Every structure is written in C-alpha cells, then in structure tokens.
Amino acid sequence: MRIIRNLQLVGKHNKPILTDLFYLEDGRPKPVVIFAHGYKGFKDWGCWDLVAEKLAQNGIFFIKFNFSHNGGTVDQTIDFPDLEAFGQNNFIKELDDLKSVIDWISEEETYKNEVDLSKIVLIGHSRAGGIVTIKASEDNRVSKLITWAGVSDYESRFPKGDILELWKEHGVSYIENSRTKQKMPHYYQFYENFIANKERLYIKSAAQNLRIPTLIIHGTDDETVPLNEAKNLHSWNRNNELFIIENANHSFGGKHPWEEKSLPADLLEIVQKSILFIN
C-alpha cells in the first residue's frame, strides 16, 4: 500500500491544507473517498489511519486532510498548537478547504491512473457531516455521500440571549478541550460568518436538494450529536439509507490516542458498511 503524508495543498485562506493519501498502487482507477474530520478533530486523530488503511485495502483511493484552520500546523499536525487559527475558523473556510481538496485530486496528474473521478465520495464525521452534505448538494462532481454521526443543524449550536451578547461584547469565547486542557478560542467572527451565509449553511435545504445516493450512519448512544439528528437527515430525502449502530457512541468506540492495531468493533462495522456502499 502506498501512503503519502502531509502533502501541503494550497487553499483560499493562506494556510496549507495538510493531506494524506492511502491507496493500492496498481494502476487501476479507484473510487475516491475524501474524509473530513469534525470539530476539535484532525486527520491523525485516533483510529483514522486504520480507517484509511481498511478502505484502501478494499480498492479505494482514500484522502484525509486537516481543515486549514483546525489549529494544527505543518510541524505539529496533532492537537492544536495554533489556537489563533482555530479561533478564526468558520464553516465557509471549511467548505472552501473541501472544495480545494476536490479541485486538487480532480486536476492532479500524478495519480490520474489510480483514480476514477466519476466516483468521488465524501465522508464527514460529526460537524463535518454538515459540511459534506452542503458541499455534495452544490458540487456535481460528488457522486455519493456518507455521514458518520453527522449534525443536522448548525444554528441551534450557537448560544442565544445574554450569552450571545457577552460573546459579541468580548469578541471571543473559550471552550476547554477536555483531553488537552487547552482553552480554545472562538472569535465572534464565527457567528457573524454564519449569519452572513445562513442560507447556504442550512443543512436541511442541502439534504433536501441531494440527488445522489447517501448513507447516514449514527450510534444510539451518541453523547455529542443525538440520534434524532440522523433521523432528521433521513426524513429530508428519500434517496438515502439510515444505518443505526446499537450502543455506539459518537466516535464509534475510537479515542485518541489509539494504541491498538485493529479498529474498535463499532468503527469496523461502519467502515465495512461504508465500503459496501461505496463499491
């Protein structure tokens, strides 16, 4: 298997989009899967390498990447050395980054014998479930869509009332990362950018507009994104399948760091389900 790590793709927002490729170098055109990480996530989190290997072993050209403003750097791709960038992230930057990755693989000559560009599949975990749904609805190069524990709405996640006013007044609010103990900033631009692009960022509209096969995967014990969000996504479009994993949590049994050599059972199940759907 060929593994290429930390390619620096050029995006729109003056920070590189660090990208990994996993594939069998056999000269056969393969479906392309582009995987987008969630909030406080990164491409090298936990089990994502094992996920990449499993899909690549099954004849898929697998791409995972860090959003340009996820808080990682070229020198430190794990965790969040650049909290300023993290605070300046927003949904539009993530949509732009994802477009940059699709553009790059669509135009890159190096791998043209290994990829089937008529089969570009997006997978998004958690917050990125919304990003990939919106992007799939507006980019006809995407042929299939998969969400893993994906969100169905962004607006409901913002604070309201006095808390929103305080955020506006101070210009920044902080959330503690329970694992790293960092105080992670969110600048008020995040909310302003959402309001300015509210129509585009309405996941329900994007889901309703989809005309491609879609697979929605969610665990019954998701502690971060409730199962009813998957049921919402499912109800908005008849062209999708809802796959529910009993007792699975938000990361399907994965965690960071992941020291074991094999995938947790729930994550292995959703990977196998996704491979069947892709192929």
C-alpha atoms as a PDB file:
ATOM      1  CA  MET A   1       0.000   0.000   0.000  1.00  0.00           C
ATOM      2  CA  ARG A   2       1.200   3.481  -0.846  1.00  0.00           C
ATOM      3  CA  ILE A   3       0.853   6.043   1.937  1.00  0.00           C
ATOM      4  CA  ILE A   4       1.741   9.696   1.358  1.00  0.00           C
ATOM      5  CA  ARG A   5       1.516  12.015   4.345  1.00  0.00           C
ATOM      6  CA  ASN A   6       1.281  15.748   4.851  1.00  0.00           C
ATOM      7  CA  LEU A   7       1.028  16.967   1.289  1.00  0.00           C
ATOM      8  CA  GLN A   8       0.551  20.724   1.536  1.00  0.00           C
ATOM      9  CA  LEU A   9      -2.357  21.722  -0.685  1.00  0.00           C
ATOM     10  CA  VAL A  10      -2.885  25.389  -1.422  1.00  0.00           C
ATOM     11  CA  GLY A  11      -6.300  26.666  -0.377  1.00  0.00           C
ATOM     12  CA  LYS A  12      -8.009  30.056  -0.379  1.00  0.00           C
ATOM     13  CA  HIS A  13      -7.161  31.058   3.174  1.00  0.00           C
ATOM     14  CA  ASN A  14      -3.384  31.444   3.357  1.00  0.00           C
ATOM     15  CA  LYS A  15      -2.789  28.280   5.330  1.00  0.00           C
ATOM     16  CA  PRO A  16      -1.860  24.897   3.837  1.00  0.00           C
ATOM     17  CA  ILE A  17      -4.369  22.059   3.814  1.00  0.00           C
ATOM     18  CA  LEU A  18      -2.343  19.093   5.065  1.00  0.00           C
ATOM     19  CA  THR A  19      -3.437  15.957   3.225  1.00  0.00           C
ATOM     20  CA  ASP A  20      -2.756  12.208   3.415  1.00  0.00           C
ATOM     21  CA  LEU A  21      -3.281   9.635   0.653  1.00  0.00           C
ATOM     22  CA  PHE A  22      -3.760   5.877   1.127  1.00  0.00           C
ATOM     23  CA  TYR A  23      -4.109   3.608  -1.922  1.00  0.00           C
ATOM     24  CA  LEU A  24      -3.011   0.410  -3.638  1.00  0.00           C
ATOM     25  CA  GLU A  25      -0.640   1.426  -6.414  1.00  0.00           C
ATOM     26  CA  ASP A  26      -1.948  -0.917  -9.111  1.00  0.00           C
ATOM     27  CA  GLY A  27      -2.755   1.456 -11.986  1.00  0.00           C
ATOM     28  CA  ARG A  28      -6.471   0.741 -11.693  1.00  0.00           C
ATOM     29  CA  PRO A  29      -8.970   3.593 -11.449  1.00  0.00           C
ATOM     30  CA  LYS A  30     -10.490   3.548  -7.960  1.00  0.00           C
ATOM     31  CA  PRO A  31     -13.346   5.372  -6.261  1.00  0.00           C
ATOM     32  CA  VAL A  32     -12.011   8.435  -4.447  1.00  0.00           C
ATOM     33  CA  VAL A  33     -13.082   8.927  -0.831  1.00  0.00           C
ATOM     34  CA  ILE A  34     -12.416  12.302   0.783  1.00  0.00           C
ATOM     35  CA  PHE A  35     -12.765  12.190   4.566  1.00  0.00           C
ATOM     36  CA  ALA A  36     -13.434  15.342   6.593  1.00  0.00           C
ATOM     37  CA  HIS A  37     -12.800  15.441  10.359  1.00  0.00           C
ATOM     38  CA  GLY A  38     -15.103  17.006  12.919  1.00  0.00           C
ATOM     39  CA  TYR A  39     -14.927  19.790  15.495  1.00  0.00           C
ATOM     40  CA  LYS A  40     -11.721  19.707  17.559  1.00  0.00           C
ATOM     41  CA  GLY A  41     -10.630  16.974  15.153  1.00  0.00           C
ATOM     42  CA  PHE A  42      -7.643  16.324  12.922  1.00  0.00           C
ATOM     43  CA  LYS A  43      -6.695  13.825  10.227  1.00  0.00           C
ATOM     44  CA  ASP A  44      -4.271  11.961  12.515  1.00  0.00           C
ATOM     45  CA  TRP A  45      -6.783  11.510  15.342  1.00  0.00           C
ATOM     46  CA  GLY A  46      -7.184   8.118  16.989  1.00  0.00           C
ATOM     47  CA  CYS A  47      -8.228   5.449  14.537  1.00  0.00           C
ATOM     48  CA  TRP A  48      -8.344   7.451  11.307  1.00  0.00           C
ATOM     49  CA  ASP A  49      -5.145   5.873   9.927  1.00  0.00           C
ATOM     50  CA  LEU A  50      -6.609   2.398  10.482  1.00  0.00           C
ATOM     51  CA  VAL A  51      -9.820   3.513   8.777  1.00  0.00           C
ATOM     52  CA  ALA A  52      -7.765   4.804   5.829  1.00  0.00           C
ATOM     53  CA  GLU A  53      -5.839   1.543   5.523  1.00  0.00           C
ATOM     54  CA  LYS A  54      -9.008  -0.546   5.619  1.00  0.00           C
ATOM     55  CA  LEU A  55     -10.671   1.429   2.833  1.00  0.00           C
ATOM     56  CA  ALA A  56      -7.504   1.473   0.741  1.00  0.00           C
ATOM     57  CA  GLN A  57      -7.153  -2.314   1.087  1.00  0.00           C
ATOM     58  CA  ASN A  58     -10.641  -2.556  -0.409  1.00  0.00           C
ATOM     59  CA  GLY A  59      -9.750  -0.762  -3.613  1.00  0.00           C
ATOM     60  CA  ILE A  60     -10.488   2.819  -2.587  1.00  0.00           C
ATOM     61  CA  PHE A  61      -8.267   5.856  -3.088  1.00  0.00           C
ATOM     62  CA  PHE A  62      -8.563   7.415   0.371  1.00  0.00           C
ATOM     63  CA  ILE A  63      -7.834  11.064   1.136  1.00  0.00           C
ATOM     64  CA  LYS A  64      -7.960  12.603   4.597  1.00  0.00           C
ATOM     65  CA  PHE A  65      -6.987  16.151   5.407  1.00  0.00           C
ATOM     66  CA  ASN A  66      -6.808  18.814   8.073  1.00  0.00           C
ATOM     67  CA  PHE A  67      -9.012  21.829   7.591  1.00  0.00           C
ATOM     68  CA  SER A  68      -6.646  24.768   7.137  1.00  0.00           C
ATOM     69  CA  HIS A  69      -7.802  26.454  10.350  1.00  0.00           C
ATOM     70  CA  ASN A  70      -8.279  23.376  12.549  1.00  0.00           C
ATOM     71  CA  GLY A  71      -5.477  24.552  14.852  1.00  0.00           C
ATOM     72  CA  GLY A  72      -2.738  22.216  13.658  1.00  0.00           C
ATOM     73  CA  THR A  73       0.439  23.287  11.877  1.00  0.00           C
ATOM     74  CA  VAL A  74       2.789  21.805   9.278  1.00  0.00           C
ATOM     75  CA  ASP A  75       5.237  20.889  12.057  1.00  0.00           C
ATOM     76  CA  GLN A  76       2.625  19.661  14.520  1.00  0.00           C
ATOM     77  CA  THR A  77      -0.375  18.042  12.852  1.00  0.00           C
ATOM     78  CA  ILE A  78      -1.727  16.513  16.070  1.00  0.00           C
ATOM     79  CA  ASP A  79      -3.660  18.644  18.548  1.00  0.00           C
ATOM     80  CA  PHE A  80      -3.789  22.432  18.461  1.00  0.00           C
ATOM     81  CA  PRO A  81      -0.546  24.429  18.587  1.00  0.00           C
ATOM     82  CA  ASP A  82      -2.153  27.271  16.579  1.00  0.00           C
ATOM     83  CA  LEU A  83      -5.130  28.320  18.687  1.00  0.00           C
ATOM     84  CA  GLU A  84      -5.329  31.653  16.871  1.00  0.00           C
ATOM     85  CA  ALA A  85      -6.100  29.811  13.628  1.00  0.00           C
ATOM     86  CA  PHE A  86      -8.629  27.629  15.441  1.00  0.00           C
ATOM     87  CA  GLY A  87     -10.389  30.754  16.679  1.00  0.00           C
ATOM     88  CA  GLN A  88     -10.509  32.190  13.158  1.00  0.00           C
ATOM     89  CA  ASN A  89     -12.058  29.072  11.628  1.00  0.00           C
ATOM     90  CA  ASN A  90     -15.611  29.068  10.275  1.00  0.00           C
ATOM     91  CA  PHE A  91     -17.938  26.929   8.181  1.00  0.00           C
ATOM     92  CA  ILE A  92     -17.235  28.807   4.934  1.00  0.00           C
ATOM     93  CA  LYS A  93     -13.487  28.250   5.297  1.00  0.00           C
ATOM     94  CA  GLU A  94     -14.176  24.535   5.774  1.00  0.00           C
ATOM     95  CA  LEU A  95     -16.371  24.423   2.654  1.00  0.00           C
ATOM     96  CA  ASP A  96     -13.632  26.241   0.715  1.00  0.00           C
ATOM     97  CA  ASP A  97     -10.986  23.811   2.004  1.00  0.00           C
ATOM     98  CA  LEU A  98     -13.067  20.818   0.973  1.00  0.00           C
ATOM     99  CA  LYS A  99     -13.554  22.324  -2.490  1.00  0.00           C
ATOM    100  CA  SER A 100      -9.775  22.822  -2.716  1.00  0.00           C
ATOM    101  CA  VAL A 101      -9.205  19.122  -1.988  1.00  0.00           C
ATOM    102  CA  ILE A 102     -11.784  18.089  -4.632  1.00  0.00           C
ATOM    103  CA  ASP A 103     -10.233  20.515  -7.123  1.00  0.00           C
ATOM    104  CA  TRP A 104      -6.759  19.196  -6.415  1.00  0.00           C
ATOM    105  CA  ILE A 105      -7.494  15.496  -6.927  1.00  0.00           C
ATOM    106  CA  SER A 106      -9.598  16.340  -9.992  1.00  0.00           C
ATOM    107  CA  GLU A 107      -6.660  18.152 -11.631  1.00  0.00           C
ATOM    108  CA  GLU A 108      -3.563  16.399 -10.208  1.00  0.00           C
ATOM    109  CA  GLU A 109      -1.771  14.422 -12.914  1.00  0.00           C
ATOM    110  CA  THR A 110       0.368  12.299 -10.553  1.00  0.00           C
ATOM    111  CA  TYR A 111      -2.455   9.925  -9.591  1.00  0.00           C
ATOM    112  CA  LYS A 112      -4.617  10.066 -12.710  1.00  0.00           C
ATOM    113  CA  ASN A 113      -4.210   6.322 -13.418  1.00  0.00           C
ATOM    114  CA  GLU A 114      -5.238   5.458  -9.841  1.00  0.00           C
ATOM    115  CA  VAL A 115      -8.464   7.454  -9.530  1.00  0.00           C
ATOM    116  CA  ASP A 116     -11.925   7.218 -11.048  1.00  0.00           C
ATOM    117  CA  LEU A 117     -13.118  10.824 -10.946  1.00  0.00           C
ATOM    118  CA  SER A 118     -16.665   9.782 -11.788  1.00  0.00           C
ATOM    119  CA  LYS A 119     -16.771   8.229  -8.312  1.00  0.00           C
ATOM    120  CA  ILE A 120     -15.932  10.916  -5.755  1.00  0.00           C
ATOM    121  CA  VAL A 121     -17.405  10.083  -2.349  1.00  0.00           C
ATOM    122  CA  LEU A 122     -17.426  12.420   0.654  1.00  0.00           C
ATOM    123  CA  ILE A 123     -17.394  11.157   4.251  1.00  0.00           C
ATOM    124  CA  GLY A 124     -17.835  13.623   7.096  1.00  0.00           C
ATOM    125  CA  HIS A 125     -17.688  12.896  10.824  1.00  0.00           C
ATOM    126  CA  SER A 126     -19.668  14.942  13.338  1.00  0.00           C
ATOM    127  CA  ARG A 127     -19.632  18.666  12.463  1.00  0.00           C
ATOM    128  CA  ALA A 128     -18.188  17.810   9.062  1.00  0.00           C
ATOM    129  CA  GLY A 129     -21.297  15.742   8.354  1.00  0.00           C
ATOM    130  CA  GLY A 130     -22.954  19.088   7.689  1.00  0.00           C
ATOM    131  CA  ILE A 131     -20.011  20.371   5.640  1.00  0.00           C
ATOM    132  CA  VAL A 132     -20.001  17.343   3.318  1.00  0.00           C
ATOM    133  CA  THR A 133     -23.794  17.447   2.958  1.00  0.00           C
ATOM    134  CA  ILE A 134     -23.699  21.098   1.888  1.00  0.00           C
ATOM    135  CA  LYS A 135     -20.753  20.525  -0.441  1.00  0.00           C
ATOM    136  CA  ALA A 136     -22.361  17.445  -2.033  1.00  0.00           C
ATOM    137  CA  SER A 137     -25.524  19.450  -2.704  1.00  0.00           C
ATOM    138  CA  GLU A 138     -23.616  22.199  -4.535  1.00  0.00           C
ATOM    139  CA  ASP A 139     -20.841  20.287  -6.343  1.00  0.00           C
ATOM    140  CA  ASN A 140     -21.920  17.874  -9.067  1.00  0.00           C
ATOM    141  CA  ARG A 141     -18.535  16.133  -9.041  1.00  0.00           C
ATOM    142  CA  VAL A 142     -19.614  14.334  -5.856  1.00  0.00           C
ATOM    143  CA  SER A 143     -21.275  11.006  -6.685  1.00  0.00           C
ATOM    144  CA  LYS A 144     -22.062   9.637  -3.194  1.00  0.00           C
ATOM    145  CA  LEU A 145     -22.250  10.957   0.348  1.00  0.00           C
ATOM    146  CA  ILE A 146     -21.715   9.345   3.768  1.00  0.00           C
ATOM    147  CA  THR A 147     -22.158  10.953   7.182  1.00  0.00           C
ATOM    148  CA  TRP A 148     -20.792   9.421  10.376  1.00  0.00           C
ATOM    149  CA  ALA A 149     -22.515  10.842  13.471  1.00  0.00           C
ATOM    150  CA  GLY A 150     -23.260  13.931  11.402  1.00  0.00           C
ATOM    151  CA  VAL A 151     -25.076  17.048  12.580  1.00  0.00           C
ATOM    152  CA  SER A 152     -28.356  18.172  11.003  1.00  0.00           C
ATOM    153  CA  ASP A 153     -28.301  21.845  12.040  1.00  0.00           C
ATOM    154  CA  TYR A 154     -25.701  24.490  12.816  1.00  0.00           C
ATOM    155  CA  GLU A 155     -27.801  27.383  14.086  1.00  0.00           C
ATOM    156  CA  SER A 156     -29.078  25.515  17.150  1.00  0.00           C
ATOM    157  CA  ARG A 157     -25.480  25.071  18.342  1.00  0.00           C
ATOM    158  CA  PHE A 158     -24.857  28.781  18.787  1.00  0.00           C
ATOM    159  CA  PRO A 159     -25.577  30.475  22.117  1.00  0.00           C
ATOM    160  CA  LYS A 160     -28.572  32.759  22.483  1.00  0.00           C
ATOM    161  CA  GLY A 161     -29.633  35.740  24.562  1.00  0.00           C
ATOM    162  CA  ASP A 162     -27.238  37.061  27.172  1.00  0.00           C
ATOM    163  CA  ILE A 163     -24.505  34.536  26.362  1.00  0.00           C
ATOM    164  CA  LEU A 164     -24.540  35.608  22.706  1.00  0.00           C
ATOM    165  CA  GLU A 165     -24.416  39.272  23.764  1.00  0.00           C
ATOM    166  CA  LEU A 166     -21.432  38.601  26.022  1.00  0.00           C
ATOM    167  CA  TRP A 167     -19.656  36.853  23.168  1.00  0.00           C
ATOM    168  CA  LYS A 168     -20.283  39.871  20.923  1.00  0.00           C
ATOM    169  CA  GLU A 169     -19.107  42.259  23.640  1.00  0.00           C
ATOM    170  CA  HIS A 170     -15.866  40.398  24.380  1.00  0.00           C
ATOM    171  CA  GLY A 171     -15.243  39.333  20.782  1.00  0.00           C
ATOM    172  CA  VAL A 172     -14.158  35.866  21.907  1.00  0.00           C
ATOM    173  CA  SER A 173     -15.393  32.964  23.987  1.00  0.00           C
ATOM    174  CA  TYR A 174     -13.414  29.931  25.163  1.00  0.00           C
ATOM    175  CA  ILE A 175     -14.139  26.251  25.416  1.00  0.00           C
ATOM    176  CA  GLU A 176     -11.892  23.865  27.321  1.00  0.00           C
ATOM    177  CA  ASN A 177     -10.588  20.836  25.467  1.00  0.00           C
ATOM    178  CA  SER A 178     -11.235  18.078  27.993  1.00  0.00           C
ATOM    179  CA  ARG A 179      -8.316  15.994  26.673  1.00  0.00           C
ATOM    180  CA  THR A 180      -5.584  18.614  26.154  1.00  0.00           C
ATOM    181  CA  LYS A 181      -6.890  21.099  28.778  1.00  0.00           C
ATOM    182  CA  GLN A 182      -6.352  23.945  26.304  1.00  0.00           C
ATOM    183  CA  LYS A 183      -8.683  26.939  26.424  1.00  0.00           C
ATOM    184  CA  MET A 184      -9.757  27.009  22.779  1.00  0.00           C
ATOM    185  CA  PRO A 185     -10.969  30.363  21.438  1.00  0.00           C
ATOM    186  CA  HIS A 186     -13.950  31.098  19.235  1.00  0.00           C
ATOM    187  CA  TYR A 187     -13.900  34.619  17.867  1.00  0.00           C
ATOM    188  CA  TYR A 188     -17.222  36.308  17.255  1.00  0.00           C
ATOM    189  CA  GLN A 189     -16.464  36.259  13.512  1.00  0.00           C
ATOM    190  CA  PHE A 190     -17.567  32.604  13.595  1.00  0.00           C
ATOM    191  CA  TYR A 191     -21.137  33.647  14.398  1.00  0.00           C
ATOM    192  CA  GLU A 192     -21.068  36.670  12.070  1.00  0.00           C
ATOM    193  CA  ASN A 193     -19.845  34.476   9.219  1.00  0.00           C
ATOM    194  CA  PHE A 194     -22.648  32.009   9.897  1.00  0.00           C
ATOM    195  CA  ILE A 195     -25.326  34.728   9.870  1.00  0.00           C
ATOM    196  CA  ALA A 196     -23.917  36.226   6.656  1.00  0.00           C
ATOM    197  CA  ASN A 197     -24.093  32.790   4.975  1.00  0.00           C
ATOM    198  CA  LYS A 198     -27.095  31.370   6.791  1.00  0.00           C
ATOM    199  CA  GLU A 199     -28.983  30.277   3.688  1.00  0.00           C
ATOM    200  CA  ARG A 200     -26.035  28.347   2.269  1.00  0.00           C
ATOM    201  CA  LEU A 201     -25.297  26.799   5.668  1.00  0.00           C
ATOM    202  CA  TYR A 202     -28.829  25.462   6.172  1.00  0.00           C
ATOM    203  CA  ILE A 203     -28.175  21.713   6.237  1.00  0.00           C
ATOM    204  CA  LYS A 204     -31.855  20.833   5.811  1.00  0.00           C
ATOM    205  CA  SER A 205     -32.019  22.584   2.418  1.00  0.00           C
ATOM    206  CA  ALA A 206     -28.801  20.919   1.311  1.00  0.00           C
ATOM    207  CA  ALA A 207     -30.103  17.488   2.324  1.00  0.00           C
ATOM    208  CA  GLN A 208     -33.405  18.071   0.515  1.00  0.00           C
ATOM    209  CA  ASN A 209     -31.543  19.080  -2.658  1.00  0.00           C
ATOM    210  CA  LEU A 210     -29.339  15.977  -2.814  1.00  0.00           C
ATOM    211  CA  ARG A 211     -29.795  13.790  -5.894  1.00  0.00           C
ATOM    212  CA  ILE A 212     -27.085  11.254  -5.096  1.00  0.00           C
ATOM    213  CA  PRO A 213     -27.045   8.066  -3.003  1.00  0.00           C
ATOM    214  CA  THR A 214     -26.492   8.949   0.650  1.00  0.00           C
ATOM    215  CA  LEU A 215     -25.666   6.806   3.676  1.00  0.00           C
ATOM    216  CA  ILE A 216     -26.350   8.190   7.168  1.00  0.00           C
ATOM    217  CA  ILE A 217     -24.624   6.299   9.998  1.00  0.00           C
ATOM    218  CA  HIS A 218     -25.244   7.018  13.671  1.00  0.00           C
ATOM    219  CA  GLY A 219     -24.936   5.337  17.070  1.00  0.00           C
ATOM    220  CA  THR A 220     -27.797   5.056  19.539  1.00  0.00           C
ATOM    221  CA  ASP A 221     -25.546   6.163  22.420  1.00  0.00           C
ATOM    222  CA  ASP A 222     -24.014   9.207  20.724  1.00  0.00           C
ATOM    223  CA  GLU A 223     -23.286  11.581  23.603  1.00  0.00           C
ATOM    224  CA  THR A 224     -22.432  14.550  21.344  1.00  0.00           C
ATOM    225  CA  VAL A 225     -24.864  14.501  18.408  1.00  0.00           C
ATOM    226  CA  PRO A 226     -28.214  12.922  19.328  1.00  0.00           C
ATOM    227  CA  LEU A 227     -29.613  10.133  17.163  1.00  0.00           C
ATOM    228  CA  ASN A 228     -32.620  12.285  16.235  1.00  0.00           C
ATOM    229  CA  GLU A 229     -30.289  14.421  14.089  1.00  0.00           C
ATOM    230  CA  ALA A 230     -29.631  11.374  11.883  1.00  0.00           C
ATOM    231  CA  LYS A 231     -33.376  10.743  11.761  1.00  0.00           C
ATOM    232  CA  ASN A 232     -33.874  14.352  10.657  1.00  0.00           C
ATOM    233  CA  LEU A 233     -31.358  13.936   7.829  1.00  0.00           C
ATOM    234  CA  HIS A 234     -33.064  10.700   6.824  1.00  0.00           C
ATOM    235  CA  SER A 235     -36.528  12.281   6.784  1.00  0.00           C
ATOM    236  CA  TRP A 236     -35.489  15.135   4.493  1.00  0.00           C
ATOM    237  CA  ASN A 237     -34.580  12.993   1.497  1.00  0.00           C
ATOM    238  CA  ARG A 238     -35.915   9.668   0.233  1.00  0.00           C
ATOM    239  CA  ASN A 239     -32.688   8.912  -1.618  1.00  0.00           C
ATOM    240  CA  ASN A 240     -30.781   7.864   1.489  1.00  0.00           C
ATOM    241  CA  GLU A 241     -30.257   4.982   3.854  1.00  0.00           C
ATOM    242  CA  LEU A 242     -30.125   5.305   7.635  1.00  0.00           C
ATOM    243  CA  PHE A 243     -27.838   2.793   9.348  1.00  0.00           C
ATOM    244  CA  ILE A 244     -28.068   2.783  13.141  1.00  0.00           C
ATOM    245  CA  ILE A 245     -25.461   1.087  15.343  1.00  0.00           C
ATOM    246  CA  GLU A 246     -26.863  -0.082  18.658  1.00  0.00           C
ATOM    247  CA  ASN A 247     -24.961   1.180  21.727  1.00  0.00           C
ATOM    248  CA  ALA A 248     -22.355   3.015  19.624  1.00  0.00           C
ATOM    249  CA  ASN A 249     -21.008   6.346  20.871  1.00  0.00           C
ATOM    250  CA  HIS A 250     -20.016   9.474  18.953  1.00  0.00           C
ATOM    251  CA  SER A 251     -16.627   8.130  17.838  1.00  0.00           C
ATOM    252  CA  PHE A 252     -17.872   4.543  17.354  1.00  0.00           C
ATOM    253  CA  GLY A 253     -15.530   3.243  20.041  1.00  0.00           C
ATOM    254  CA  GLY A 254     -12.479   5.167  18.889  1.00  0.00           C
ATOM    255  CA  LYS A 255     -10.422   7.542  21.019  1.00  0.00           C
ATOM    256  CA  HIS A 256      -7.153   9.453  20.913  1.00  0.00           C
ATOM    257  CA  PRO A 257      -4.553   8.196  21.177  1.00  0.00           C
ATOM    258  CA  TRP A 258      -5.426   4.755  19.805  1.00  0.00           C
ATOM    259  CA  GLU A 259      -2.668   2.277  20.614  1.00  0.00           C
ATOM    260  CA  GLU A 260      -4.245  -0.909  19.289  1.00  0.00           C
ATOM    261  CA  LYS A 261      -3.540  -2.455  15.895  1.00  0.00           C
ATOM    262  CA  SER A 262      -7.178  -3.046  14.988  1.00  0.00           C
ATOM    263  CA  LEU A 263     -10.324  -0.957  14.804  1.00  0.00           C
ATOM    264  CA  PRO A 264     -12.891  -0.966  17.616  1.00  0.00           C
ATOM    265  CA  ALA A 265     -15.869  -3.194  16.749  1.00  0.00           C
ATOM    266  CA  ASP A 266     -18.383  -0.399  16.071  1.00  0.00           C
ATOM    267  CA  LEU A 267     -15.983   1.559  13.865  1.00  0.00           C
ATOM    268  CA  LEU A 268     -15.064  -1.608  11.954  1.00  0.00           C
ATOM    269  CA  GLU A 269     -18.771  -2.215  11.336  1.00  0.00           C
ATOM    270  CA  ILE A 270     -19.371   1.257   9.924  1.00  0.00           C
ATOM    271  CA  VAL A 271     -16.219   1.052   7.807  1.00  0.00           C
ATOM    272  CA  GLN A 272     -17.420  -2.256   6.312  1.00  0.00           C
ATOM    273  CA  LYS A 273     -20.878  -0.796   5.725  1.00  0.00           C
ATOM    274  CA  SER A 274     -19.314   2.246   4.043  1.00  0.00           C
ATOM    275  CA  ILE A 275     -17.102   0.093   1.795  1.00  0.00           C
ATOM    276  CA  LEU A 276     -20.156  -1.855   0.595  1.00  0.00           C
ATOM    277  CA  PHE A 277     -21.967   1.401  -0.111  1.00  0.00           C
ATOM    278  CA  ILE A 278     -19.004   2.919  -1.989  1.00  0.00           C
ATOM    279  CA  ASN A 279     -18.311  -0.165  -4.116  1.00  0.00           C
END
